[in-house]
Amino acid sequence: MPSEYLCQNGVIGVQHLPHKIVNGSVDSQPTCDLDSDCTRQREKLIDVLRKAGGNQSEAARMLGVSRVTVWKRMKKMGIDIKQDVR
C-alpha cells in the first residue's frame, strides 16, 4: 500500500474523520414531515422494505430501481431500518 494513504504515525485520529461524523451532524430526520406526497412515498418505501425483510437490494428489485436509489431515498426520508422497518 502506498505510504500516502497511511497516517504518519499509523494511527487514525479524530482529525482524520469527516466533520459530519465528528460533529454528529448526520441528519436522519424525515425531510417530508408536512408534504403528504412525500409522506405517502415514505410509507410505500417502508412497506416494501418490510416485505423484503429489511433487505435493501430486494426492495430495490421489487421497486425496479437500484439499491443506491433505495439507500438515497431512505436517507432523504429519514428511514431507519432498525426503527421504521422491523
N, C-alpha and C. Protein backbone atom coordinates (compact mmCIF):
# COMPACT_ATOMS: atom_id res chain seq x y z
N MET A 1 0.85 -1.18 0.00
CA MET A 1 0.00 0.00 0.00
C MET A 1 0.89 1.24 0.00
N PRO A 2 0.63 2.20 -0.89
CA PRO A 2 1.45 3.41 -0.94
C PRO A 2 1.38 4.17 0.39
N SER A 3 2.49 4.78 0.74
CA SER A 3 2.57 5.46 2.03
C SER A 3 1.68 6.70 2.12
N GLU A 4 1.29 7.30 0.97
CA GLU A 4 0.44 8.49 1.04
C GLU A 4 -0.97 8.18 1.54
N TYR A 5 -1.33 6.89 1.63
CA TYR A 5 -2.64 6.51 2.14
C TYR A 5 -2.64 6.23 3.64
N LEU A 6 -1.47 6.22 4.26
CA LEU A 6 -1.37 5.90 5.67
C LEU A 6 -1.19 7.15 6.50
N CYS A 7 -1.66 7.12 7.73
CA CYS A 7 -1.40 8.19 8.67
C CYS A 7 0.09 8.16 9.00
N GLN A 8 0.67 9.30 9.31
CA GLN A 8 2.10 9.35 9.54
C GLN A 8 2.53 8.45 10.69
N ASN A 9 1.75 8.40 11.76
CA ASN A 9 2.14 7.57 12.90
C ASN A 9 1.42 6.23 12.91
N GLY A 10 0.64 5.95 11.87
CA GLY A 10 -0.05 4.68 11.78
C GLY A 10 -1.35 4.60 12.55
N VAL A 11 -1.78 5.71 13.17
CA VAL A 11 -3.00 5.74 13.96
C VAL A 11 -3.97 6.75 13.35
N ILE A 12 -5.21 6.32 13.17
CA ILE A 12 -6.23 7.22 12.66
C ILE A 12 -6.82 7.97 13.84
N GLY A 13 -6.79 9.28 13.77
CA GLY A 13 -7.32 10.11 14.85
C GLY A 13 -8.57 10.85 14.42
N VAL A 14 -9.17 11.55 15.35
CA VAL A 14 -10.39 12.32 15.08
C VAL A 14 -10.17 13.31 13.95
N GLN A 15 -8.99 13.87 13.87
CA GLN A 15 -8.69 14.86 12.83
C GLN A 15 -8.77 14.26 11.42
N HIS A 16 -8.75 12.94 11.31
CA HIS A 16 -8.83 12.28 10.01
C HIS A 16 -10.27 11.97 9.59
N LEU A 17 -11.21 12.13 10.49
CA LEU A 17 -12.61 11.80 10.20
C LEU A 17 -13.33 12.98 9.58
N PRO A 18 -14.37 12.72 8.78
CA PRO A 18 -15.17 13.81 8.21
C PRO A 18 -15.86 14.61 9.32
N HIS A 19 -16.03 15.91 9.07
CA HIS A 19 -16.64 16.79 10.06
C HIS A 19 -18.04 16.34 10.45
N LYS A 20 -18.80 15.76 9.51
CA LYS A 20 -20.15 15.28 9.81
C LYS A 20 -20.13 14.24 10.92
N ILE A 21 -19.13 13.37 10.89
CA ILE A 21 -19.05 12.32 11.90
C ILE A 21 -18.58 12.88 13.23
N VAL A 22 -17.56 13.72 13.19
CA VAL A 22 -17.01 14.29 14.42
C VAL A 22 -18.04 15.15 15.14
N ASN A 23 -18.77 15.95 14.38
CA ASN A 23 -19.73 16.88 14.97
C ASN A 23 -21.10 16.26 15.20
N GLY A 24 -21.30 15.04 14.74
CA GLY A 24 -22.59 14.38 14.91
C GLY A 24 -23.71 15.06 14.16
N SER A 25 -23.42 15.64 13.01
CA SER A 25 -24.44 16.39 12.28
C SER A 25 -25.12 15.58 11.19
N VAL A 26 -24.98 14.27 11.20
CA VAL A 26 -25.65 13.45 10.21
C VAL A 26 -27.14 13.49 10.50
N ASP A 27 -27.93 13.93 9.54
CA ASP A 27 -29.36 14.12 9.72
C ASP A 27 -30.12 12.86 9.34
N SER A 28 -30.86 12.32 10.29
CA SER A 28 -31.66 11.13 9.99
C SER A 28 -33.15 11.40 10.16
N GLN A 29 -33.52 12.66 10.24
CA GLN A 29 -34.92 13.03 10.39
C GLN A 29 -35.56 13.15 9.02
N PRO A 30 -36.82 12.74 8.90
CA PRO A 30 -37.50 12.87 7.62
C PRO A 30 -37.55 14.33 7.18
N THR A 31 -37.37 14.55 5.88
CA THR A 31 -37.42 15.90 5.35
C THR A 31 -38.79 16.21 4.77
N CYS A 32 -39.74 15.31 4.94
CA CYS A 32 -41.04 15.50 4.30
C CYS A 32 -42.19 15.43 5.31
N ASP A 33 -41.98 15.94 6.50
CA ASP A 33 -42.99 15.85 7.55
C ASP A 33 -44.35 16.41 7.14
N LEU A 34 -44.37 17.52 6.44
CA LEU A 34 -45.64 18.17 6.12
C LEU A 34 -46.10 17.92 4.69
N ASP A 35 -45.28 17.32 3.87
CA ASP A 35 -45.61 17.07 2.47
C ASP A 35 -46.32 15.72 2.36
N SER A 36 -47.61 15.73 2.03
CA SER A 36 -48.39 14.49 2.01
C SER A 36 -47.91 13.53 0.92
N ASP A 37 -47.47 14.04 -0.23
CA ASP A 37 -46.97 13.16 -1.29
C ASP A 37 -45.70 12.45 -0.82
N CYS A 38 -44.81 13.18 -0.19
CA CYS A 38 -43.58 12.59 0.31
C CYS A 38 -43.88 11.59 1.42
N THR A 39 -44.84 11.91 2.26
CA THR A 39 -45.23 11.00 3.35
C THR A 39 -45.77 9.70 2.78
N ARG A 40 -46.56 9.77 1.72
CA ARG A 40 -47.06 8.55 1.07
C ARG A 40 -45.91 7.74 0.47
N GLN A 41 -44.97 8.41 -0.18
CA GLN A 41 -43.82 7.72 -0.75
C GLN A 41 -42.98 7.06 0.34
N ARG A 42 -42.84 7.75 1.46
CA ARG A 42 -42.08 7.21 2.59
C ARG A 42 -42.75 5.94 3.12
N GLU A 43 -44.06 6.01 3.30
CA GLU A 43 -44.80 4.84 3.80
C GLU A 43 -44.73 3.67 2.81
N LYS A 44 -44.79 3.98 1.50
CA LYS A 44 -44.68 2.92 0.49
C LYS A 44 -43.31 2.26 0.57
N LEU A 45 -42.25 3.07 0.70
CA LEU A 45 -40.91 2.51 0.78
C LEU A 45 -40.74 1.67 2.05
N ILE A 46 -41.28 2.13 3.15
CA ILE A 46 -41.23 1.35 4.39
C ILE A 46 -41.97 0.03 4.21
N ASP A 47 -43.13 0.07 3.57
CA ASP A 47 -43.91 -1.15 3.33
C ASP A 47 -43.13 -2.15 2.47
N VAL A 48 -42.51 -1.67 1.41
CA VAL A 48 -41.72 -2.54 0.53
C VAL A 48 -40.52 -3.10 1.29
N LEU A 49 -39.86 -2.26 2.09
CA LEU A 49 -38.73 -2.74 2.89
C LEU A 49 -39.16 -3.82 3.88
N ARG A 50 -40.34 -3.66 4.45
CA ARG A 50 -40.86 -4.69 5.37
C ARG A 50 -41.11 -5.99 4.62
N LYS A 51 -41.72 -5.90 3.44
CA LYS A 51 -41.98 -7.10 2.63
C LYS A 51 -40.68 -7.78 2.22
N ALA A 52 -39.62 -6.98 2.06
CA ALA A 52 -38.31 -7.52 1.67
C ALA A 52 -37.50 -7.94 2.89
N GLY A 53 -38.11 -7.89 4.06
CA GLY A 53 -37.40 -8.28 5.27
C GLY A 53 -36.26 -7.36 5.64
N GLY A 54 -36.35 -6.10 5.22
CA GLY A 54 -35.30 -5.13 5.51
C GLY A 54 -34.15 -5.17 4.53
N ASN A 55 -34.22 -6.06 3.55
CA ASN A 55 -33.16 -6.20 2.56
C ASN A 55 -33.31 -5.12 1.49
N GLN A 56 -32.37 -4.17 1.48
CA GLN A 56 -32.46 -3.04 0.56
C GLN A 56 -32.32 -3.46 -0.90
N SER A 57 -31.49 -4.46 -1.17
CA SER A 57 -31.32 -4.93 -2.55
C SER A 57 -32.61 -5.57 -3.06
N GLU A 58 -33.27 -6.34 -2.20
CA GLU A 58 -34.53 -6.96 -2.59
C GLU A 58 -35.62 -5.89 -2.77
N ALA A 59 -35.66 -4.92 -1.89
CA ALA A 59 -36.63 -3.82 -2.03
C ALA A 59 -36.40 -3.08 -3.34
N ALA A 60 -35.15 -2.88 -3.70
CA ALA A 60 -34.84 -2.20 -4.96
C ALA A 60 -35.36 -3.01 -6.15
N ARG A 61 -35.15 -4.33 -6.11
CA ARG A 61 -35.68 -5.19 -7.19
C ARG A 61 -37.19 -5.08 -7.27
N MET A 62 -37.85 -5.09 -6.12
CA MET A 62 -39.31 -5.00 -6.10
C MET A 62 -39.81 -3.67 -6.67
N LEU A 63 -39.04 -2.62 -6.45
CA LEU A 63 -39.44 -1.28 -6.93
C LEU A 63 -38.93 -0.99 -8.34
N GLY A 64 -38.03 -1.83 -8.83
CA GLY A 64 -37.47 -1.60 -10.17
C GLY A 64 -36.47 -0.46 -10.21
N VAL A 65 -35.76 -0.25 -9.10
CA VAL A 65 -34.74 0.79 -9.03
C VAL A 65 -33.45 0.17 -8.50
N SER A 66 -32.39 0.97 -8.45
CA SER A 66 -31.13 0.45 -7.94
C SER A 66 -31.11 0.46 -6.40
N ARG A 67 -30.21 -0.33 -5.84
CA ARG A 67 -30.03 -0.36 -4.39
C ARG A 67 -29.61 1.01 -3.88
N VAL A 68 -28.79 1.70 -4.66
CA VAL A 68 -28.33 3.04 -4.27
C VAL A 68 -29.51 4.01 -4.21
N THR A 69 -30.45 3.88 -5.14
CA THR A 69 -31.64 4.73 -5.12
C THR A 69 -32.44 4.49 -3.86
N VAL A 70 -32.61 3.25 -3.47
CA VAL A 70 -33.33 2.93 -2.23
C VAL A 70 -32.59 3.55 -1.05
N TRP A 71 -31.28 3.40 -1.01
CA TRP A 71 -30.49 3.95 0.09
C TRP A 71 -30.63 5.47 0.15
N LYS A 72 -30.55 6.14 -1.01
CA LYS A 72 -30.68 7.61 -1.05
C LYS A 72 -32.07 8.05 -0.59
N ARG A 73 -33.10 7.33 -1.02
CA ARG A 73 -34.46 7.68 -0.60
C ARG A 73 -34.63 7.48 0.90
N MET A 74 -34.06 6.40 1.42
CA MET A 74 -34.13 6.15 2.86
C MET A 74 -33.46 7.29 3.62
N LYS A 75 -32.32 7.71 3.14
CA LYS A 75 -31.59 8.80 3.80
C LYS A 75 -32.38 10.10 3.72
N LYS A 76 -32.91 10.40 2.53
CA LYS A 76 -33.67 11.64 2.33
C LYS A 76 -34.92 11.68 3.19
N MET A 77 -35.58 10.53 3.32
CA MET A 77 -36.85 10.47 4.05
C MET A 77 -36.68 10.11 5.52
N GLY A 78 -35.44 9.93 5.94
CA GLY A 78 -35.18 9.64 7.36
C GLY A 78 -35.65 8.28 7.79
N ILE A 79 -35.55 7.28 6.91
CA ILE A 79 -36.00 5.93 7.24
C ILE A 79 -34.84 5.17 7.88
N ASP A 80 -35.09 4.66 9.06
CA ASP A 80 -34.10 3.87 9.79
C ASP A 80 -34.57 2.41 9.79
N ILE A 81 -33.75 1.52 9.25
CA ILE A 81 -34.13 0.10 9.15
C ILE A 81 -34.51 -0.45 10.51
N LYS A 82 -33.73 -0.17 11.53
CA LYS A 82 -33.98 -0.75 12.85
C LYS A 82 -35.25 -0.21 13.51
N GLN A 83 -35.54 1.08 13.30
CA GLN A 83 -36.71 1.67 13.95
C GLN A 83 -37.96 1.61 13.11
N ASP A 84 -37.86 1.88 11.83
CA ASP A 84 -39.05 2.03 10.99
C ASP A 84 -39.50 0.76 10.29
N VAL A 85 -38.57 -0.15 10.04
CA VAL A 85 -38.90 -1.29 9.20
C VAL A 85 -39.16 -2.55 10.01
N ARG A 86 -38.37 -2.83 11.00
CA ARG A 86 -38.50 -4.10 11.73
C ARG A 86 -39.38 -4.00 12.91
